[in-house]
C-alpha atoms as a PDB file:
ATOM      1  CA  UNK A   1       7.691  14.472   5.897  1.00  0.00           C
ATOM      2  CA  UNK A   2       8.055  11.419   8.109  1.00  0.00           C
ATOM      3  CA  UNK A   3       4.776   9.817   9.235  1.00  0.00           C
ATOM      4  CA  UNK A   4       4.148   6.422  10.804  1.00  0.00           C
ATOM      5  CA  UNK A   5       1.931   4.087   8.773  1.00  0.00           C
ATOM      6  CA  UNK A   6      -0.421   3.658  11.738  1.00  0.00           C
ATOM      7  CA  UNK A   7      -1.064   7.427  11.729  1.00  0.00           C
ATOM      8  CA  UNK A   8      -2.312   7.063   8.136  1.00  0.00           C
ATOM      9  CA  UNK A   9      -5.015   4.500   9.002  1.00  0.00           C
ATOM     10  CA  UNK A  10      -2.968   1.761   7.342  1.00  0.00           C
ATOM     11  CA  UNK A  11      -4.194  -1.791   7.080  1.00  0.00           C
ATOM     12  CA  UNK A  12      -3.125  -4.960   5.352  1.00  0.00           C
ATOM     13  CA  UNK A  13      -5.390  -6.314   2.618  1.00  0.00           C
ATOM     14  CA  UNK A  14      -5.881  -9.834   1.350  1.00  0.00           C
ATOM     15  CA  UNK A  15      -8.394 -12.175  -0.262  1.00  0.00           C
ATOM     16  CA  UNK A  16      -8.215 -10.234  -3.514  1.00  0.00           C
ATOM     17  CA  UNK A  17     -10.894 -11.519  -5.882  1.00  0.00           C
ATOM     18  CA  UNK A  18      -9.774 -13.128  -9.158  1.00  0.00           C
ATOM     19  CA  UNK A  19     -10.990 -10.108 -11.128  1.00  0.00           C
ATOM     20  CA  UNK A  20      -9.111  -7.743  -8.792  1.00  0.00           C
ATOM     21  CA  UNK A  21     -12.226  -5.724  -7.951  1.00  0.00           C
ATOM     22  CA  UNK A  22     -12.510  -6.553  -4.254  1.00  0.00           C
ATOM     23  CA  UNK A  23     -10.376  -7.361  -1.244  1.00  0.00           C
ATOM     24  CA  UNK A  24     -10.698  -7.613   2.523  1.00  0.00           C
ATOM     25  CA  UNK A  25      -8.739  -6.116   5.388  1.00  0.00           C
ATOM     26  CA  UNK A  26      -6.560  -8.621   7.224  1.00  0.00           C
ATOM     27  CA  UNK A  27      -4.449  -8.413  10.358  1.00  0.00           C
ATOM     28  CA  UNK A  28      -1.634 -10.829   9.556  1.00  0.00           C
ATOM     29  CA  UNK A  29       1.315  -9.629   7.459  1.00  0.00           C
ATOM     30  CA  UNK A  30       2.042 -13.221   6.436  1.00  0.00           C
ATOM     31  CA  UNK A  31      -1.431 -13.524   4.856  1.00  0.00           C
ATOM     32  CA  UNK A  32      -1.525 -10.012   3.389  1.00  0.00           C
ATOM     33  CA  UNK A  33      -1.422  -9.378  -0.332  1.00  0.00           C
ATOM     34  CA  UNK A  34      -0.979  -5.635   0.034  1.00  0.00           C
ATOM     35  CA  UNK A  35      -1.497  -2.533   2.123  1.00  0.00           C
ATOM     36  CA  UNK A  36      -3.849   0.439   1.985  1.00  0.00           C
ATOM     37  CA  UNK A  37      -3.198   3.765   3.712  1.00  0.00           C
ATOM     38  CA  UNK A  38      -4.247   7.416   3.572  1.00  0.00           C
ATOM     39  CA  UNK A  39      -2.151   9.546   1.238  1.00  0.00           C
ATOM     40  CA  UNK A  40       0.359  11.439   3.409  1.00  0.00           C
ATOM     41  CA  UNK A  41       0.255  14.633   1.344  1.00  0.00           C
ATOM     42  CA  UNK A  42      -3.479  14.850   0.598  1.00  0.00           C
ATOM     43  CA  UNK A  43      -4.773  14.573   4.172  1.00  0.00           C
ATOM     44  CA  UNK A  44      -7.770  16.864   4.506  1.00  0.00           C
ATOM     45  CA  UNK A  45      -7.717  17.805   0.823  1.00  0.00           C
ATOM     46  CA  UNK A  46      -8.531  15.017  -1.631  1.00  0.00           C
ATOM     47  CA  UNK A  47      -8.719  12.371   1.106  1.00  0.00           C
ATOM     48  CA  UNK A  48      -7.743   9.407  -1.014  1.00  0.00           C
ATOM     49  CA  UNK A  49      -6.097   6.130  -0.123  1.00  0.00           C
ATOM     50  CA  UNK A  50      -3.094   4.458  -1.662  1.00  0.00           C
ATOM     51  CA  UNK A  51      -3.260   0.725  -2.374  1.00  0.00           C
ATOM     52  CA  UNK A  52      -0.007  -1.149  -2.897  1.00  0.00           C
ATOM     53  CA  UNK A  53       0.073  -4.825  -3.876  1.00  0.00           C
ATOM     54  CA  UNK A  54       2.877  -7.063  -2.658  1.00  0.00           C
ATOM     55  CA  UNK A  55       5.032  -9.050  -5.048  1.00  0.00           C
ATOM     56  CA  UNK A  56       4.760 -12.864  -5.007  1.00  0.00           C
ATOM     57  CA  UNK A  57       1.637 -12.914  -2.805  1.00  0.00           C
ATOM     58  CA  UNK A  58      -0.859 -14.292  -5.327  1.00  0.00           C
ATOM     59  CA  UNK A  59      -2.340 -10.975  -6.406  1.00  0.00           C
ATOM     60  CA  UNK A  60      -4.315 -11.504  -9.636  1.00  0.00           C
ATOM     61  CA  UNK A  61      -2.889  -9.818 -12.721  1.00  0.00           C
ATOM     62  CA  UNK A  62      -6.198  -7.932 -13.122  1.00  0.00           C
ATOM     63  CA  UNK A  63      -5.906  -6.195  -9.729  1.00  0.00           C
ATOM     64  CA  UNK A  64      -5.430  -2.421  -9.926  1.00  0.00           C
ATOM     65  CA  UNK A  65      -3.081  -0.680  -9.598  1.00  0.00           C
ATOM     66  CA  UNK A  66      -1.149  -2.659 -12.126  1.00  0.00           C
ATOM     67  CA  UNK A  67       1.256  -3.838 -13.292  1.00  0.00           C
ATOM     68  CA  UNK A  68       3.406  -2.783 -10.327  1.00  0.00           C
ATOM     69  CA  UNK A  69       3.950  -5.055  -7.335  1.00  0.00           C
ATOM     70  CA  UNK A  70       6.238  -4.187  -4.407  1.00  0.00           C
ATOM     71  CA  UNK A  71       8.703  -6.303  -2.430  1.00  0.00           C
ATOM     72  CA  UNK A  72       7.503  -6.309   1.181  1.00  0.00           C
ATOM     73  CA  UNK A  73       9.665  -7.137   4.182  1.00  0.00           C
ATOM     74  CA  UNK A  74       8.963  -6.906   7.893  1.00  0.00           C
ATOM     75  CA  UNK A  75       6.493  -8.462  10.294  1.00  0.00           C
ATOM     76  CA  UNK A  76       3.856  -5.751  10.885  1.00  0.00           C
ATOM     77  CA  UNK A  77       2.865  -2.166  10.093  1.00  0.00           C
ATOM     78  CA  UNK A  78       5.535  -1.053  12.552  1.00  0.00           C
ATOM     79  CA  UNK A  79       8.504  -2.419  10.601  1.00  0.00           C
ATOM     80  CA  UNK A  80       7.158  -2.760   7.050  1.00  0.00           C
ATOM     81  CA  UNK A  81       9.554  -1.820   4.259  1.00  0.00           C
ATOM     82  CA  UNK A  82       8.502  -1.689   0.592  1.00  0.00           C
ATOM     83  CA  UNK A  83      10.710  -1.479  -2.464  1.00  0.00           C
ATOM     84  CA  UNK A  84      10.800   0.273  -4.851  1.00  0.00           C
ATOM     85  CA  UNK A  85       9.361   3.713  -4.083  1.00  0.00           C
ATOM     86  CA  UNK A  86       5.638   4.464  -4.461  1.00  0.00           C
ATOM     87  CA  UNK A  87       4.852   6.985  -7.188  1.00  0.00           C
ATOM     88  CA  UNK A  88       1.255   8.224  -7.454  1.00  0.00           C
ATOM     89  CA  UNK A  89       2.036  10.977  -9.945  1.00  0.00           C
ATOM     90  CA  UNK A  90       1.449   8.863 -13.103  1.00  0.00           C
ATOM     91  CA  UNK A  91      -2.151   8.259 -11.944  1.00  0.00           C
ATOM     92  CA  UNK A  92      -2.810  12.018 -11.797  1.00  0.00           C
ATOM     93  CA  UNK A  93      -4.526  11.512  -8.420  1.00  0.00           C
ATOM     94  CA  UNK A  94      -1.804  13.454  -6.622  1.00  0.00           C
ATOM     95  CA  UNK A  95       1.935  14.078  -6.640  1.00  0.00           C
ATOM     96  CA  UNK A  96       2.999  11.757  -3.793  1.00  0.00           C
ATOM     97  CA  UNK A  97       6.246   9.949  -4.525  1.00  0.00           C
ATOM     98  CA  UNK A  98       7.939   8.404  -1.517  1.00  0.00           C
ATOM     99  CA  UNK A  99       9.025   5.396   0.464  1.00  0.00           C
ATOM    100  CA  UNK A 100       7.860   3.106   3.252  1.00  0.00           C
ATOM    101  CA  UNK A 101      10.810   2.122   5.408  1.00  0.00           C
ATOM    102  CA  UNK A 102      10.551   0.462   8.820  1.00  0.00           C
ATOM    103  CA  UNK A 103       6.923   1.598   9.153  1.00  0.00           C
ATOM    104  CA  UNK A 104       7.731   5.217   8.261  1.00  0.00           C
ATOM    105  CA  UNK A 105       6.216   6.951   5.232  1.00  0.00           C
ATOM    106  CA  UNK A 106       8.445   9.574   3.654  1.00  0.00           C
END
């Protein structure tokens, strides 16, 4: 599997509320606190999204998913790289475990 983030309806998120229960979509990577995108393996089945919070971007400790925060590098959805890998399997939502590298989801 190798899918571009843009093909998964990806968008940056920011303005996370202090309690972590709400956030807004934003266009600017430099202002983003995270990213949300459609799960690449559950398309058409469970239709759920994956939310990943960026490290050192002011995300409140209460924001789910926690406690994980990812190192984000790049300038846009087209060259975004996150480390470490994203593992949904502990949440029991699905079995996706993969990477975002240079805007590609694997």
